[in-house]
Amino acid sequence: MGKLAISGGKPVRKKPFTAWPIYTQKERQGLLKVLTSRNWGGFPFPNKYASSFAQKFARFHGAKYGLAVANGTIAIEIALRAIGIQPGDEVIVPAYTWEGTVGPILLLNAVPVFVDVDPKTYCLDARLIAPALTPRTRAILPVHLAMRFADMDEILRIARAHNLAVIEDCAHAHGGKWRNKGAGAIGDIGCFSFQSSKLMTSGEGGGVITSSLEYHERAQSFMNCGRASATDKYRNRLIGFNYRISDLQAVILEAQLARLPQQAKVRQANMDHFEKRIRETPGLGFLERDKRQTRVAAYQYVFKYSPEHFGGIPRAAFLGALQTEGVPCDGLFYEPVYKSALFPVDPKEWPALSWGRETPLDLKSSFHCPVSERAAYEESVWLPHHLFLGSRKDTDDIADAVLKICANIEELRGLKHPAIEVKAMSRAERPRVERRQW
């Protein structure tokens, strides 16, 4: 019997961590108000709580206008339509992100162009954007990932020099700031997700913020079945869809937004303590903190595991051991979208991948982003943000588990265990039960 729980030892932790999502009487009371009003949906538009929340959320991030929409993926689709993306246009995207960042580009019959991420931040590497530009490029879509921001100074410089729009994917960045500007209010449009795992949630939902009235009007018409926007200054007339959020969701989000700043302080303090505990551990690496990021959005905590330092023992074994010690974790949280089983793109189904090309663009074989691939398949370790909403003792348990595994890593060599097998599977293959603690 070994010291590690995965090899028969006593686990560091048996007690569950703070449950997520969190709700209080504010959510209960708000839901009851909407319920008894009998005005639950998104029509008439804008509905009472959807309008109120969208305005508060936009102001919270420093933008003039906001919309609450059905989910984060749709938020990106709306933003792309708002800036005028046309069939055949190209959009620069980081390879290391959720598939929902990229899918809307294809839905509009445009072309995603994958660029690798910076190893220091796991965000879009601004140094690699210029070589990826072509006469068809119309927009850059950076993703602020796992407590880090893309280099918005350089991205905006490139965008302005080439007359490109910038859409920020802020699914991880609620409340974050870059040079004291709120996430989503730095570029032209910001897109947020309120899906269950996010820093604030209504189960599903999304947000679109901007300071451009023209973009806001287009976005508003597109999400509201093509109806004229409330202000209608620019007289946009387009085919739209019902991408509205319900007032039942919006009233929950109002309560979540009010609680976000205090939760952010707790997460940040606990994450800082955790990092201090494990930072000097050989074989572990950390994402850099850019001083221009003036307020951190403390989403998933990510650190790096080096298989080479640990004698070739794969990350899947480390993750399986950490899970067995009682700490929920993931490694293949994201993968390069072009390699993902959740992104089965057949060029025959997407005409823009063939236009003006001798052979159709095969997204799976046309891109190679080594930093993204290493992050996804070898080194990244993701810890859910709600683990850090508890006590200092909770945080110490996480650190103790990591240090325990590193000190006894040889117990994992050649070990066969169901937790390790699950961690080695692709996301499409994993059993649903693995996410039960998320």
Protein backbone atom coordinates (compact mmCIF):
# COMPACT_ATOMS: atom_id res chain seq x y z
CA MET A 1 0.00 0.00 0.00
CA GLY A 2 1.35 3.40 -1.01
CA LYS A 3 1.02 6.84 0.54
CA LEU A 4 -1.14 8.23 -2.28
CA ALA A 5 -4.88 7.60 -2.15
CA ILE A 6 -4.81 6.26 -5.69
CA SER A 7 -2.42 3.51 -4.56
CA GLY A 8 -4.24 2.68 -1.31
CA GLY A 9 -3.28 5.50 1.04
CA LYS A 10 -5.53 7.87 2.97
CA PRO A 11 -6.89 10.78 0.86
CA VAL A 12 -6.11 14.34 1.88
CA ARG A 13 -9.76 15.29 1.74
CA LYS A 14 -13.13 13.53 1.95
CA LYS A 15 -15.30 16.58 2.69
CA PRO A 16 -16.93 18.25 -0.36
CA PHE A 17 -15.78 21.72 -1.36
CA THR A 18 -18.11 24.72 -1.61
CA ALA A 19 -21.04 23.79 -3.84
CA TRP A 20 -21.60 25.68 -7.07
CA PRO A 21 -23.72 27.50 -8.14
CA ILE A 22 -24.38 29.51 -5.00
CA TYR A 23 -27.81 30.99 -4.37
CA THR A 24 -29.44 32.98 -1.56
CA GLN A 25 -32.78 34.49 -0.65
CA LYS A 26 -32.17 37.16 -3.30
CA GLU A 27 -32.53 34.56 -6.05
CA ARG A 28 -35.57 33.02 -4.37
CA GLN A 29 -37.32 36.35 -3.94
CA GLY A 30 -36.47 37.48 -7.46
CA LEU A 31 -37.77 34.27 -9.01
CA LEU A 32 -40.99 34.59 -7.06
CA LYS A 33 -41.49 38.16 -8.31
CA VAL A 34 -41.09 37.05 -11.90
CA LEU A 35 -43.23 33.97 -11.36
CA THR A 36 -46.16 35.92 -9.96
CA SER A 37 -45.83 38.62 -12.64
CA ARG A 38 -46.61 35.95 -15.28
CA ASN A 39 -44.20 37.78 -17.57
CA TRP A 40 -41.51 35.14 -17.78
CA GLY A 41 -40.12 35.27 -21.29
CA GLY A 42 -38.08 37.68 -23.38
CA PHE A 43 -41.06 39.29 -25.11
CA PRO A 44 -42.20 42.01 -25.05
CA PHE A 45 -38.61 43.08 -25.59
CA PRO A 46 -36.75 44.34 -23.67
CA ASN A 47 -38.38 42.66 -20.72
CA LYS A 48 -38.12 44.23 -17.26
CA TYR A 49 -35.32 42.24 -15.60
CA ALA A 50 -33.45 41.39 -18.81
CA SER A 51 -33.23 45.11 -19.57
CA SER A 52 -32.28 46.06 -16.01
CA PHE A 53 -29.58 43.41 -15.72
CA ALA A 54 -28.09 44.15 -19.15
CA GLN A 55 -27.71 47.83 -18.30
CA LYS A 56 -26.14 47.11 -14.90
CA PHE A 57 -23.77 44.52 -16.38
CA ALA A 58 -22.62 46.88 -19.15
CA ARG A 59 -22.00 49.71 -16.67
CA PHE A 60 -20.13 47.35 -14.35
CA HIS A 61 -17.61 46.74 -17.16
CA GLY A 62 -17.53 50.33 -18.44
CA ALA A 63 -19.58 49.89 -21.61
CA LYS A 64 -22.54 52.03 -22.71
CA TYR A 65 -24.86 49.30 -23.94
CA GLY A 66 -25.66 45.75 -22.95
CA LEU A 67 -27.87 42.86 -24.02
CA ALA A 68 -28.75 39.68 -22.15
CA VAL A 69 -28.98 36.77 -24.57
CA ALA A 70 -29.59 33.02 -24.62
CA ASN A 71 -26.00 31.81 -24.13
CA GLY A 72 -22.35 32.69 -24.65
CA THR A 73 -21.98 30.99 -28.03
CA ILE A 74 -24.93 32.95 -29.37
CA ALA A 75 -23.37 36.11 -27.90
CA ILE A 76 -20.40 35.58 -30.22
CA GLU A 77 -22.67 34.94 -33.21
CA ILE A 78 -24.56 38.15 -32.44
CA ALA A 79 -21.30 40.11 -32.15
CA LEU A 80 -20.04 38.77 -35.47
CA ARG A 81 -23.27 39.83 -37.16
CA ALA A 82 -23.14 43.21 -35.45
CA ILE A 83 -19.70 44.05 -36.87
CA GLY A 84 -20.83 42.95 -40.33
CA ILE A 85 -19.01 39.65 -40.89
CA GLN A 86 -19.86 38.39 -44.39
CA PRO A 87 -19.55 34.95 -46.03
CA GLY A 88 -15.92 34.24 -46.86
CA ASP A 89 -14.48 36.70 -44.34
CA GLU A 90 -11.68 35.45 -42.08
CA VAL A 91 -11.58 35.82 -38.31
CA ILE A 92 -8.39 35.36 -36.25
CA VAL A 93 -9.01 33.09 -33.22
CA PRO A 94 -6.77 31.39 -30.64
CA ALA A 95 -6.44 27.65 -31.16
CA TYR A 96 -6.72 26.94 -27.42
CA THR A 97 -10.31 27.74 -26.53
CA TRP A 98 -13.81 26.32 -26.29
CA GLU A 99 -15.34 25.15 -29.57
CA GLY A 100 -18.19 27.62 -29.03
CA THR A 101 -15.79 30.49 -29.72
CA VAL A 102 -15.25 29.21 -33.24
CA GLY A 103 -18.53 27.55 -34.24
CA PRO A 104 -20.39 30.85 -34.80
CA ILE A 105 -17.79 31.89 -37.37
CA LEU A 106 -18.65 28.84 -39.45
CA LEU A 107 -22.38 29.36 -38.91
CA LEU A 108 -22.05 32.73 -40.67
CA ASN A 109 -20.15 30.98 -43.50
CA ALA A 110 -16.93 32.75 -42.55
CA VAL A 111 -13.52 31.17 -41.97
CA PRO A 112 -11.72 30.75 -38.62
CA VAL A 113 -7.95 31.22 -38.79
CA PHE A 114 -6.26 29.58 -35.82
CA VAL A 115 -3.29 31.27 -34.14
CA ASP A 116 -1.28 29.75 -31.31
CA VAL A 117 -1.35 31.03 -27.74
CA ASP A 118 1.37 32.63 -25.66
CA PRO A 119 2.97 30.04 -23.32
CA LYS A 120 3.12 32.70 -20.60
CA THR A 121 -0.65 33.27 -20.50
CA TYR A 122 -2.39 30.63 -22.69
CA CYS A 123 -4.10 33.56 -24.43
CA LEU A 124 -3.86 34.52 -28.11
CA ASP A 125 -0.21 35.30 -28.93
CA ALA A 126 -0.37 38.79 -30.39
CA ARG A 127 3.08 38.34 -31.95
CA LEU A 128 1.65 35.70 -34.29
CA ILE A 129 -1.33 37.66 -35.55
CA ALA A 130 0.37 39.68 -38.31
CA PRO A 131 1.66 36.59 -40.22
CA ALA A 132 -1.89 35.17 -40.17
CA LEU A 133 -3.53 38.24 -41.74
CA THR A 134 -4.78 38.08 -45.33
CA PRO A 135 -6.87 40.44 -47.49
CA ARG A 136 -9.91 38.51 -46.25
CA THR A 137 -9.29 39.14 -42.53
CA ARG A 138 -12.09 41.20 -40.98
CA ALA A 139 -11.81 40.63 -37.23
CA ILE A 140 -9.70 39.41 -34.31
CA LEU A 141 -11.41 37.37 -31.59
CA PRO A 142 -9.14 37.12 -28.54
CA VAL A 143 -10.17 34.94 -25.58
CA HIS A 144 -9.34 36.00 -22.02
CA LEU A 145 -8.51 32.62 -20.53
CA ALA A 146 -8.27 31.30 -16.98
CA MET A 147 -7.51 34.53 -15.05
CA ARG A 148 -5.34 35.98 -17.83
CA PHE A 149 -6.03 38.59 -20.52
CA ALA A 150 -4.82 38.56 -24.09
CA ASP A 151 -2.42 41.44 -24.87
CA MET A 152 -5.12 43.95 -25.75
CA ASP A 153 -2.64 46.79 -26.36
CA GLU A 154 -0.95 44.96 -29.20
CA ILE A 155 -4.16 43.40 -30.52
CA LEU A 156 -5.83 46.81 -30.75
CA ARG A 157 -2.74 48.30 -32.40
CA ILE A 158 -2.81 45.62 -35.10
CA ALA A 159 -6.57 45.91 -35.49
CA ARG A 160 -6.53 49.67 -35.97
CA ALA A 161 -3.62 49.47 -38.41
CA HIS A 162 -5.55 47.01 -40.60
CA ASN A 163 -9.11 48.29 -40.04
CA LEU A 164 -10.20 45.15 -38.20
CA ALA A 165 -12.88 44.77 -35.55
CA VAL A 166 -12.03 43.23 -32.16
CA ILE A 167 -14.51 40.97 -30.38
CA GLU A 168 -13.49 39.89 -26.87
CA ASP A 169 -14.53 36.45 -25.65
CA CYS A 170 -14.91 37.15 -21.93
CA ALA A 171 -16.50 33.87 -20.84
CA HIS A 172 -13.83 33.61 -18.11
CA ALA A 173 -13.43 37.31 -17.36
CA HIS A 174 -16.50 38.67 -15.55
CA GLY A 175 -15.33 41.73 -13.63
CA GLY A 176 -11.75 41.63 -14.91
CA LYS A 177 -9.93 44.79 -16.00
CA TRP A 178 -7.08 45.69 -18.38
CA ARG A 179 -5.52 49.11 -17.72
CA ASN A 180 -8.61 49.81 -15.60
CA LYS A 181 -10.93 49.12 -18.53
CA GLY A 182 -13.47 46.38 -17.99
CA ALA A 183 -13.35 43.12 -19.88
CA GLY A 184 -15.45 43.36 -23.02
CA ALA A 185 -15.27 47.16 -23.10
CA ILE A 186 -11.70 47.29 -24.41
CA GLY A 187 -12.31 46.17 -27.99
CA ASP A 188 -15.40 46.82 -30.11
CA ILE A 189 -17.73 44.24 -28.54
CA GLY A 190 -17.47 41.93 -25.53
CA CYS A 191 -19.19 38.55 -25.19
CA PHE A 192 -19.88 36.74 -21.92
CA SER A 193 -21.26 33.37 -20.86
CA PHE A 194 -23.47 32.69 -17.85
CA GLN A 195 -23.37 28.91 -18.22
CA SER A 196 -23.32 26.85 -15.02
CA SER A 197 -19.55 26.75 -14.48
CA LYS A 198 -18.97 30.48 -14.97
CA LEU A 199 -18.19 33.12 -12.34
CA MET A 200 -21.82 34.18 -12.39
CA THR A 201 -24.55 31.99 -13.78
CA SER A 202 -28.21 31.55 -14.58
CA GLY A 203 -27.68 27.95 -15.72
CA GLU A 204 -27.45 29.13 -19.32
CA GLY A 205 -27.27 32.65 -20.67
CA GLY A 206 -24.95 35.17 -22.26
CA GLY A 207 -24.18 38.86 -22.52
CA VAL A 208 -23.11 41.29 -25.25
CA ILE A 209 -21.68 44.70 -24.33
CA THR A 210 -20.39 47.56 -26.47
CA SER A 211 -20.04 51.34 -26.52
CA SER A 212 -20.99 51.54 -30.21
CA LEU A 213 -24.65 52.40 -30.74
CA GLU A 214 -24.45 51.11 -34.31
CA TYR A 215 -23.20 47.68 -33.20
CA HIS A 216 -25.71 47.66 -30.34
CA GLU A 217 -28.62 48.32 -32.69
CA ARG A 218 -27.57 45.56 -35.08
CA ALA A 219 -27.10 43.14 -32.21
CA GLN A 220 -30.47 44.06 -30.73
CA SER A 221 -32.30 43.52 -34.02
CA PHE A 222 -30.53 40.24 -34.74
CA MET A 223 -31.40 38.75 -31.33
CA ASN A 224 -34.99 40.04 -31.37
CA CYS A 225 -36.30 38.37 -34.52
CA GLY A 226 -35.17 41.20 -36.81
CA ARG A 227 -37.34 43.85 -35.18
CA ALA A 228 -36.13 47.43 -35.31
CA SER A 229 -33.95 48.34 -32.34
CA ALA A 230 -35.28 50.57 -29.58
CA THR A 231 -33.33 53.63 -30.78
CA ASP A 232 -33.21 52.75 -34.51
CA LYS A 233 -30.79 55.52 -35.39
CA TYR A 234 -29.01 53.46 -38.04
CA ARG A 235 -32.16 51.96 -39.59
CA ASN A 236 -30.82 48.40 -39.73
CA ARG A 237 -33.16 45.90 -41.36
CA LEU A 238 -32.00 42.31 -41.21
CA ILE A 239 -33.23 38.77 -40.71
CA GLY A 240 -33.01 37.99 -37.04
CA PHE A 241 -33.68 35.18 -34.59
CA ASN A 242 -35.09 34.75 -31.11
CA TYR A 243 -31.95 34.79 -29.02
CA ARG A 244 -33.56 36.54 -26.04
CA ILE A 245 -33.06 35.54 -22.41
CA SER A 246 -35.99 34.91 -20.07
CA ASP A 247 -36.73 37.17 -17.11
CA LEU A 248 -36.45 34.11 -14.85
CA GLN A 249 -32.77 33.92 -15.81
CA ALA A 250 -32.20 37.67 -15.74
CA VAL A 251 -33.46 38.11 -12.19
CA ILE A 252 -31.03 35.40 -11.03
CA LEU A 253 -28.19 37.20 -12.81
CA GLU A 254 -28.97 40.47 -11.02
CA ALA A 255 -28.40 38.73 -7.70
CA GLN A 256 -25.26 37.02 -9.01
CA LEU A 257 -23.82 40.33 -10.23
CA ALA A 258 -24.33 41.96 -6.83
CA ARG A 259 -22.39 39.13 -5.18
CA LEU A 260 -19.57 38.93 -7.75
CA PRO A 261 -17.12 41.52 -6.30
CA GLN A 262 -17.01 39.93 -2.85
CA GLN A 263 -16.69 36.42 -4.28
CA ALA A 264 -13.86 37.65 -6.50
CA LYS A 265 -11.94 38.89 -3.43
CA VAL A 266 -12.31 35.54 -1.69
CA ARG A 267 -11.24 33.56 -4.75
CA GLN A 268 -8.26 35.81 -5.39
CA ALA A 269 -7.00 35.66 -1.81
CA ASN A 270 -7.27 31.87 -1.70
CA MET A 271 -5.69 31.42 -5.12
CA ASP A 272 -2.78 33.65 -4.11
CA HIS A 273 -2.29 31.57 -0.97
CA PHE A 274 -2.44 28.33 -2.96
CA GLU A 275 0.14 29.57 -5.45
CA LYS A 276 2.44 30.68 -2.66
CA ARG A 277 2.25 27.19 -1.14
CA ILE A 278 3.21 25.31 -4.31
CA ARG A 279 5.19 27.85 -6.33
CA GLU A 280 8.67 26.57 -5.47
CA THR A 281 7.79 22.96 -6.27
CA PRO A 282 10.12 21.60 -8.99
CA GLY A 283 8.24 20.39 -12.06
CA LEU A 284 5.33 22.80 -11.69
CA GLY A 285 5.00 26.03 -13.71
CA PHE A 286 2.73 29.06 -13.55
CA LEU A 287 1.06 31.52 -15.90
CA GLU A 288 2.48 35.03 -15.71
CA ARG A 289 0.55 37.99 -14.33
CA ASP A 290 0.72 41.02 -16.62
CA LYS A 291 0.82 44.28 -14.65
CA ARG A 292 -1.53 45.82 -17.20
CA GLN A 293 -4.24 43.47 -15.94
CA THR A 294 -5.43 45.72 -13.14
CA ARG A 295 -8.19 43.45 -11.83
CA VAL A 296 -8.10 39.69 -12.07
CA ALA A 297 -11.20 37.69 -12.85
CA ALA A 298 -10.48 34.62 -10.75
CA TYR A 299 -11.94 31.85 -12.91
CA GLN A 300 -10.33 28.38 -13.10
CA TYR A 301 -6.86 28.31 -11.53
CA VAL A 302 -4.37 26.87 -14.02
CA PHE A 303 -0.83 25.67 -13.44
CA LYS A 304 1.58 23.57 -15.50
CA TYR A 305 2.72 20.01 -14.89
CA SER A 306 6.01 18.98 -16.52
CA PRO A 307 6.06 15.27 -17.49
CA GLU A 308 9.77 15.58 -18.30
CA HIS A 309 10.64 16.66 -14.77
CA PHE A 310 8.64 13.78 -13.31
CA GLY A 311 10.43 11.12 -15.33
CA GLY A 312 7.83 10.87 -18.09
CA ILE A 313 4.88 10.12 -15.78
CA PRO A 314 1.98 11.56 -17.79
CA ARG A 315 -0.29 14.35 -16.65
CA ALA A 316 -3.28 11.95 -16.72
CA ALA A 317 -1.69 10.01 -13.85
CA PHE A 318 -1.12 13.21 -11.85
CA LEU A 319 -4.72 14.30 -12.43
CA GLY A 320 -6.11 10.90 -11.53
CA ALA A 321 -4.13 10.98 -8.31
CA LEU A 322 -5.28 14.50 -7.48
CA GLN A 323 -8.90 13.57 -8.08
CA THR A 324 -8.50 10.53 -5.81
CA GLU A 325 -7.07 12.75 -3.07
CA GLY A 326 -10.45 14.52 -3.12
CA VAL A 327 -9.65 17.51 -5.34
CA PRO A 328 -11.76 17.97 -8.53
CA CYS A 329 -9.52 18.83 -11.46
CA ASP A 330 -9.12 18.59 -15.22
CA GLY A 331 -6.41 18.68 -17.85
CA LEU A 332 -8.21 18.40 -21.15
CA PHE A 333 -10.48 21.29 -20.18
CA TYR A 334 -9.84 22.75 -23.63
CA GLU A 335 -7.89 21.46 -26.59
CA PRO A 336 -6.87 22.98 -29.92
CA VAL A 337 -10.25 23.39 -31.59
CA TYR A 338 -8.98 22.09 -34.92
CA LYS A 339 -8.13 18.75 -33.24
CA SER A 340 -11.24 18.44 -31.09
CA ALA A 341 -13.70 15.57 -31.46
CA LEU A 342 -16.37 18.16 -30.68
CA PHE A 343 -15.45 20.05 -33.87
CA PRO A 344 -16.01 17.58 -36.76
CA VAL A 345 -15.75 20.04 -39.66
CA ASP A 346 -16.36 18.63 -43.16
CA PRO A 347 -15.43 21.28 -45.77
CA LYS A 348 -18.34 20.07 -47.91
CA GLU A 349 -20.74 21.39 -45.29
CA TRP A 350 -19.15 24.85 -45.05
CA PRO A 351 -18.85 26.48 -48.52
CA ALA A 352 -16.54 29.30 -47.45
CA LEU A 353 -13.77 26.78 -46.79
CA SER A 354 -13.61 26.16 -50.54
CA TRP A 355 -14.09 29.63 -52.01
CA GLY A 356 -11.05 30.93 -53.86
CA ARG A 357 -8.97 27.85 -53.03
CA GLU A 358 -7.61 25.11 -55.24
CA THR A 359 -8.55 22.59 -52.57
CA PRO A 360 -10.95 23.06 -49.63
CA LEU A 361 -9.39 24.28 -46.39
CA ASP A 362 -9.20 21.33 -44.00
CA LEU A 363 -9.14 22.90 -40.56
CA LYS A 364 -7.87 19.72 -38.90
CA SER A 365 -4.77 19.41 -41.06
CA SER A 366 -4.01 23.01 -42.04
CA PHE A 367 -3.03 24.26 -38.59
CA HIS A 368 -0.37 23.26 -36.09
CA CYS A 369 -0.16 25.25 -32.86
CA PRO A 370 2.44 23.56 -30.64
CA VAL A 371 1.89 25.65 -27.50
CA SER A 372 -1.83 24.94 -27.60
CA GLU A 373 -1.24 21.24 -28.18
CA ARG A 374 1.22 20.96 -25.31
CA ALA A 375 -1.11 22.85 -22.99
CA ALA A 376 -4.04 20.63 -23.89
CA TYR A 377 -2.42 17.21 -23.97
CA GLU A 378 0.61 17.39 -21.68
CA GLU A 379 0.90 20.19 -19.14
CA SER A 380 -2.17 22.23 -18.11
CA VAL A 381 -3.92 21.46 -14.80
CA TRP A 382 -7.28 23.19 -14.26
CA LEU A 383 -8.85 23.66 -10.82
CA PRO A 384 -12.48 24.88 -10.67
CA HIS A 385 -12.98 28.37 -9.25
CA HIS A 386 -15.54 27.27 -6.65
CA LEU A 387 -12.85 25.27 -4.82
CA PHE A 388 -11.43 28.64 -3.78
CA LEU A 389 -14.65 30.08 -2.37
CA GLY A 390 -14.24 28.30 0.94
CA SER A 391 -11.88 28.62 3.89
CA ARG A 392 -8.11 28.85 4.07
CA LYS A 393 -8.21 25.22 5.29
CA ASP A 394 -9.94 24.22 2.03
CA THR A 395 -7.17 25.91 0.06
CA ASP A 396 -4.47 24.26 2.15
CA ASP A 397 -6.03 20.88 1.43
CA ILE A 398 -5.67 21.50 -2.30
CA ALA A 399 -2.03 22.52 -1.87
CA ASP A 400 -1.33 19.59 0.45
CA ALA A 401 -2.74 17.17 -2.12
CA VAL A 402 -0.59 18.61 -4.92
CA LEU A 403 2.56 18.53 -2.79
CA LYS A 404 1.81 15.00 -1.57
CA ILE A 405 1.55 13.71 -5.13
CA CYS A 406 4.73 15.47 -6.25
CA ALA A 407 6.62 13.99 -3.28
CA ASN A 408 5.38 10.46 -4.03
CA ILE A 409 5.17 10.64 -7.81
CA GLU A 410 6.93 7.31 -8.36
CA GLU A 411 3.88 5.51 -6.99
CA LEU A 412 2.11 6.51 -10.22
CA ARG A 413 4.60 4.93 -12.57
CA GLY A 414 2.81 2.26 -14.58
CA LEU A 415 -0.23 2.41 -12.32
CA LYS A 416 -3.54 1.33 -13.88
CA HIS A 417 -6.55 3.00 -12.32
CA PRO A 418 -10.00 4.06 -13.60
CA ALA A 419 -9.40 7.71 -12.65
CA ILE A 420 -6.27 7.78 -14.81
CA GLU A 421 -8.06 6.13 -17.73
CA VAL A 422 -10.88 8.70 -17.57
CA LYS A 423 -8.44 11.60 -17.47
CA ALA A 424 -6.70 10.27 -20.59
CA MET A 425 -9.94 10.13 -22.62
CA SER A 426 -11.02 12.83 -25.03
CA ARG A 427 -13.77 15.12 -23.81
CA ALA A 428 -16.23 13.52 -26.22
CA GLU A 429 -15.51 10.07 -24.76
CA ARG A 430 -15.62 10.87 -21.06
CA PRO A 431 -18.54 9.65 -18.96
CA ARG A 432 -20.91 12.36 -17.83
CA VAL A 433 -20.36 11.42 -14.17
CA GLU A 434 -16.84 12.89 -14.25
CA ARG A 435 -18.29 16.43 -14.25
CA ARG A 436 -20.66 15.85 -11.33
CA GLN A 437 -18.60 18.03 -8.95
CA TRP A 438 -18.39 20.93 -11.38
